[in-house]
Amino acid sequence: MERIVEEVRTDFVARDEAREQALRRSRELTRLCATAIRATHRGDREDAAELLAQADQVAAEMMKGLVPYPDLLYAGYTQDGLKELAEAHLMVALLDRRPLPSPSDLGIPPSTYLNGLCEAASELRRRCLDLLRHGETAEAERLLETMDTVYDALMTFDFPDGVTGGLRRRVDQLRGVLERTRGDVTQALREERLLAALDRFEAHLGEVGDDRPGDPR
C-alpha cells in the first residue's frame, strides 16, 4: 500500500505543478491578448502583431505542458486563455478584411474557437462607435454587416452547452450588442442624410439669392 500511495502522491505533485504553470500562462495569455486588442483599436497594428506572436508562444507552451493531463487542458481556466487568443486573432482578421484563421490554424478546440469568434464580433462594436464619432459611417456599416454575418453563422450551432462550451449564452449577449450597434449606426446615417439635405437646401437658397434682380431703387 505504501508504494501505491507514493505513486499517487508523485502523480499529484506533478499534476499540481502542471496546473500552477497553466494558470500562470493562462493569465499571461489573457493579458497579452487584451493588450493586443487595445493596440488594434489604437491602430498600432505592428504592436498588436508582436503581442499576438508572444501570445501564440505562451499558448503553445501551455498546451505542451498539459499534454499528459487532458483534464487540465480542458479545464475552464485553460480554455478561457485560449478563447482570448481566438478573440484577438479573429478580431484583427475581421477588422482588416482578412480570411479568418481556422481552429486548427490557431491550435484551439472548436467550441473555444466559436466562443472567441462571438466575443470578437461583440468587440467590433467599440470600433463602430469610434468610426461613428469620426463620421466614417461607411466603414461602420461594413463592420455592422460583419457582426450580422457572424451572428447568423453562430445561430446555426444548436447544440447543448456541454458541446459548445456555453456558446448560446454568448450568442444571446452578441444579439443585444448587435441591436444596440444597429441603432447607433442607423441614427448616425439619419443624421448624416439630414445634414446633407440641409447643405443642399442652403446651397439652393444661395443660388436663388444670387439670381434675384437688383433693387431698382
Protein backbone atom coordinates (compact mmCIF):
# COMPACT_ATOMS: atom_id res chain seq x y z
CA MET A 1 0.00 0.00 0.00
CA GLU A 2 2.84 2.40 0.77
CA ARG A 3 4.15 2.06 -2.79
CA ILE A 4 0.72 2.83 -4.26
CA VAL A 5 0.31 5.86 -2.02
CA GLU A 6 3.71 7.23 -3.07
CA GLU A 7 2.92 6.68 -6.76
CA VAL A 8 -0.32 8.62 -6.36
CA ARG A 9 1.45 11.35 -4.38
CA THR A 10 4.10 11.69 -7.10
CA ASP A 11 1.38 11.99 -9.74
CA PHE A 12 -0.45 14.63 -7.70
CA VAL A 13 2.72 16.68 -7.21
CA ALA A 14 3.42 16.68 -10.95
CA ARG A 15 -0.21 17.39 -11.76
CA ASP A 16 -0.34 20.29 -9.29
CA GLU A 17 2.82 21.81 -10.76
CA ALA A 18 1.37 21.49 -14.28
CA ARG A 19 -1.83 23.15 -13.07
CA GLU A 20 0.04 26.07 -11.49
CA GLN A 21 2.06 26.63 -14.66
CA ALA A 22 -1.10 26.50 -16.76
CA LEU A 23 -2.77 29.08 -14.51
CA ARG A 24 0.21 31.43 -14.82
CA ARG A 25 0.36 31.01 -18.57
CA SER A 26 -3.39 31.46 -18.97
CA ARG A 27 -3.23 34.75 -17.06
CA GLU A 28 -0.28 35.86 -19.19
CA LEU A 29 -2.17 34.84 -22.32
CA THR A 30 -5.20 36.88 -21.27
CA ARG A 31 -3.01 39.93 -20.54
CA LEU A 32 -1.19 39.75 -23.88
CA CYS A 33 -4.41 39.33 -25.85
CA ALA A 34 -6.18 42.20 -24.07
CA THR A 35 -3.19 44.45 -24.74
CA ALA A 36 -3.13 43.36 -28.40
CA ILE A 37 -6.83 44.22 -28.76
CA ARG A 38 -6.26 47.67 -27.26
CA ALA A 39 -3.32 48.23 -29.62
CA THR A 40 -5.52 47.22 -32.55
CA HIS A 41 -8.19 49.73 -31.57
CA ARG A 42 -5.49 52.43 -31.40
CA GLY A 43 -4.36 51.49 -34.89
CA ASP A 44 -0.98 50.14 -33.68
CA ARG A 45 -1.01 47.07 -35.91
CA GLU A 46 2.72 46.42 -35.52
CA ASP A 47 2.47 46.34 -31.72
CA ALA A 48 -0.63 44.15 -31.94
CA ALA A 49 1.13 41.66 -34.23
CA GLU A 50 4.10 41.44 -31.87
CA LEU A 51 1.86 40.89 -28.86
CA LEU A 52 -0.11 38.19 -30.67
CA ALA A 53 3.12 36.42 -31.61
CA GLN A 54 4.07 36.40 -27.93
CA ALA A 55 0.60 35.13 -27.04
CA ASP A 56 0.91 32.31 -29.59
CA GLN A 57 4.17 31.24 -27.95
CA VAL A 58 2.67 31.28 -24.46
CA ALA A 59 -0.33 29.26 -25.67
CA ALA A 60 1.94 26.67 -27.30
CA GLU A 61 3.95 26.30 -24.09
CA MET A 62 0.79 26.00 -22.00
CA MET A 63 -0.70 23.29 -24.20
CA LYS A 64 2.58 21.37 -24.44
CA GLY A 65 2.85 21.29 -20.65
CA LEU A 66 -0.65 19.85 -20.37
CA VAL A 67 -0.34 17.03 -22.90
CA PRO A 68 -0.01 14.42 -20.11
CA TYR A 69 -3.07 15.87 -18.36
CA PRO A 70 -6.04 16.16 -20.77
CA ASP A 71 -8.38 17.03 -17.90
CA LEU A 72 -6.29 20.13 -17.12
CA LEU A 73 -6.04 21.00 -20.82
CA TYR A 74 -9.83 21.26 -20.99
CA ALA A 75 -10.23 22.98 -17.62
CA GLY A 76 -12.06 26.30 -17.59
CA TYR A 77 -9.02 28.49 -16.89
CA THR A 78 -7.06 26.90 -19.75
CA GLN A 79 -9.88 27.28 -22.26
CA ASP A 80 -10.54 30.86 -21.11
CA GLY A 81 -7.00 31.81 -22.06
CA LEU A 82 -7.31 30.11 -25.44
CA LYS A 83 -10.66 31.84 -26.01
CA GLU A 84 -8.96 35.20 -25.51
CA LEU A 85 -6.33 34.17 -28.06
CA ALA A 86 -9.03 33.27 -30.59
CA GLU A 87 -10.86 36.55 -29.94
CA ALA A 88 -7.75 38.65 -30.53
CA HIS A 89 -6.73 36.88 -33.75
CA LEU A 90 -10.26 36.85 -35.14
CA MET A 91 -10.97 40.49 -34.30
CA VAL A 92 -7.85 41.62 -36.17
CA ALA A 93 -8.83 39.49 -39.17
CA LEU A 94 -12.39 40.87 -39.19
CA LEU A 95 -11.17 44.46 -38.97
CA ASP A 96 -8.59 44.00 -41.71
CA ARG A 97 -10.91 42.01 -44.03
CA ARG A 98 -8.53 39.07 -43.95
CA PRO A 99 -9.56 35.39 -44.12
CA LEU A 100 -10.32 34.08 -40.66
CA PRO A 101 -7.79 31.63 -39.19
CA SER A 102 -9.40 28.26 -38.50
CA PRO A 103 -9.42 26.40 -35.17
CA SER A 104 -6.62 24.16 -36.47
CA ASP A 105 -4.62 27.21 -37.59
CA LEU A 106 -4.73 28.53 -34.03
CA GLY A 107 -4.48 25.11 -32.35
CA ILE A 108 -7.68 25.77 -30.42
CA PRO A 109 -10.64 23.41 -29.79
CA PRO A 110 -13.66 24.23 -31.99
CA SER A 111 -16.00 25.15 -29.13
CA THR A 112 -13.42 27.52 -27.64
CA TYR A 113 -12.84 29.00 -31.11
CA LEU A 114 -16.55 29.72 -31.62
CA ASN A 115 -16.81 31.43 -28.24
CA GLY A 116 -13.79 33.55 -29.16
CA LEU A 117 -15.40 34.41 -32.51
CA CYS A 118 -18.55 35.50 -30.70
CA GLU A 119 -16.59 37.82 -28.42
CA ALA A 120 -14.57 39.16 -31.35
CA ALA A 121 -17.83 40.17 -33.06
CA SER A 122 -19.00 41.89 -29.87
CA GLU A 123 -15.69 43.74 -29.67
CA LEU A 124 -16.36 45.25 -33.12
CA ARG A 125 -19.00 47.48 -31.51
CA ARG A 126 -16.22 49.52 -29.91
CA ARG A 127 -14.62 50.10 -33.30
CA CYS A 128 -18.00 51.00 -34.81
CA LEU A 129 -18.54 53.70 -32.19
CA ASP A 130 -15.05 55.12 -32.79
CA LEU A 131 -15.79 55.28 -36.52
CA LEU A 132 -19.15 56.99 -35.97
CA ARG A 133 -17.51 59.63 -33.79
CA HIS A 134 -15.20 60.43 -36.71
CA GLY A 135 -18.01 60.41 -39.27
CA GLU A 136 -16.81 57.22 -41.00
CA THR A 137 -20.26 55.73 -41.43
CA ALA A 138 -19.42 53.54 -44.45
CA GLU A 139 -16.83 51.52 -42.52
CA ALA A 140 -19.13 51.37 -39.50
CA GLU A 141 -21.84 49.91 -41.77
CA ARG A 142 -19.38 47.30 -43.05
CA LEU A 143 -18.49 46.23 -39.52
CA LEU A 144 -22.17 46.06 -38.60
CA GLU A 145 -22.72 43.74 -41.57
CA THR A 146 -19.75 41.67 -40.38
CA MET A 147 -21.28 41.38 -36.92
CA ASP A 148 -24.56 40.30 -38.55
CA THR A 149 -22.76 37.63 -40.58
CA VAL A 150 -21.01 36.22 -37.52
CA TYR A 151 -24.24 36.22 -35.51
CA ASP A 152 -26.14 34.42 -38.28
CA ALA A 153 -23.41 31.77 -38.52
CA LEU A 154 -23.26 31.19 -34.76
CA MET A 155 -27.04 30.86 -34.56
CA THR A 156 -26.80 27.66 -36.61
CA PHE A 157 -24.97 25.83 -33.79
CA ASP A 158 -27.95 24.44 -31.93
CA PHE A 159 -26.16 22.02 -29.61
CA PRO A 160 -26.10 21.52 -25.83
CA ASP A 161 -23.86 23.78 -23.77
CA GLY A 162 -21.76 20.77 -22.85
CA VAL A 163 -20.74 20.52 -26.51
CA THR A 164 -20.40 24.23 -27.33
CA GLY A 165 -18.90 25.46 -24.07
CA GLY A 166 -21.78 27.80 -23.23
CA LEU A 167 -21.94 29.35 -26.70
CA ARG A 168 -25.69 30.00 -26.55
CA ARG A 169 -25.36 32.50 -23.70
CA ARG A 170 -22.64 34.42 -25.52
CA VAL A 171 -24.67 34.46 -28.74
CA ASP A 172 -27.60 35.92 -26.79
CA GLN A 173 -25.27 38.63 -25.49
CA LEU A 174 -24.00 39.27 -29.01
CA ARG A 175 -27.58 39.77 -30.20
CA GLY A 176 -28.01 42.58 -27.67
CA VAL A 177 -24.71 44.18 -28.67
CA LEU A 178 -25.67 43.87 -32.34
CA GLU A 179 -29.05 45.55 -31.88
CA ARG A 180 -27.54 48.45 -29.91
CA THR A 181 -24.90 48.91 -32.58
CA ARG A 182 -27.53 48.77 -35.33
CA GLY A 183 -29.44 51.53 -33.56
CA ASP A 184 -26.31 53.68 -33.26
CA VAL A 185 -25.35 53.22 -36.92
CA THR A 186 -28.93 53.88 -38.09
CA GLN A 187 -29.09 57.09 -36.06
CA ALA A 188 -25.74 58.26 -37.43
CA LEU A 189 -26.87 57.59 -41.01
CA ARG A 190 -30.08 59.55 -40.47
CA GLU A 191 -28.13 62.49 -39.08
CA GLU A 192 -25.69 62.30 -41.98
CA ARG A 193 -28.53 62.36 -44.53
CA LEU A 194 -30.24 65.21 -42.70
CA LEU A 195 -27.07 67.29 -42.71
CA ALA A 196 -26.56 66.56 -46.41
CA ALA A 197 -30.14 67.65 -47.14
CA LEU A 198 -29.64 70.86 -45.15
CA ASP A 199 -26.43 71.58 -47.04
CA ARG A 200 -28.25 71.13 -50.35
CA PHE A 201 -31.08 73.36 -49.16
CA GLU A 202 -28.69 76.11 -48.07
CA ALA A 203 -26.83 75.86 -51.36
CA HIS A 204 -30.14 76.16 -53.22
CA LEU A 205 -31.11 79.25 -51.22
CA GLY A 206 -27.77 80.78 -52.07
CA GLU A 207 -28.31 80.16 -55.76
CA VAL A 208 -31.81 81.67 -55.61
CA GLY A 209 -30.44 84.73 -53.85
CA ASP A 210 -27.75 85.19 -56.46
CA ASP A 211 -30.36 85.02 -59.25
CA ARG A 212 -32.61 87.76 -57.79
CA PRO A 213 -32.65 91.06 -59.73
CA GLY A 214 -31.04 94.02 -58.01
CA ASP A 215 -33.11 96.54 -56.04
CA PRO A 216 -34.44 99.10 -58.61
CA ARG A 217 -34.09 101.86 -56.05
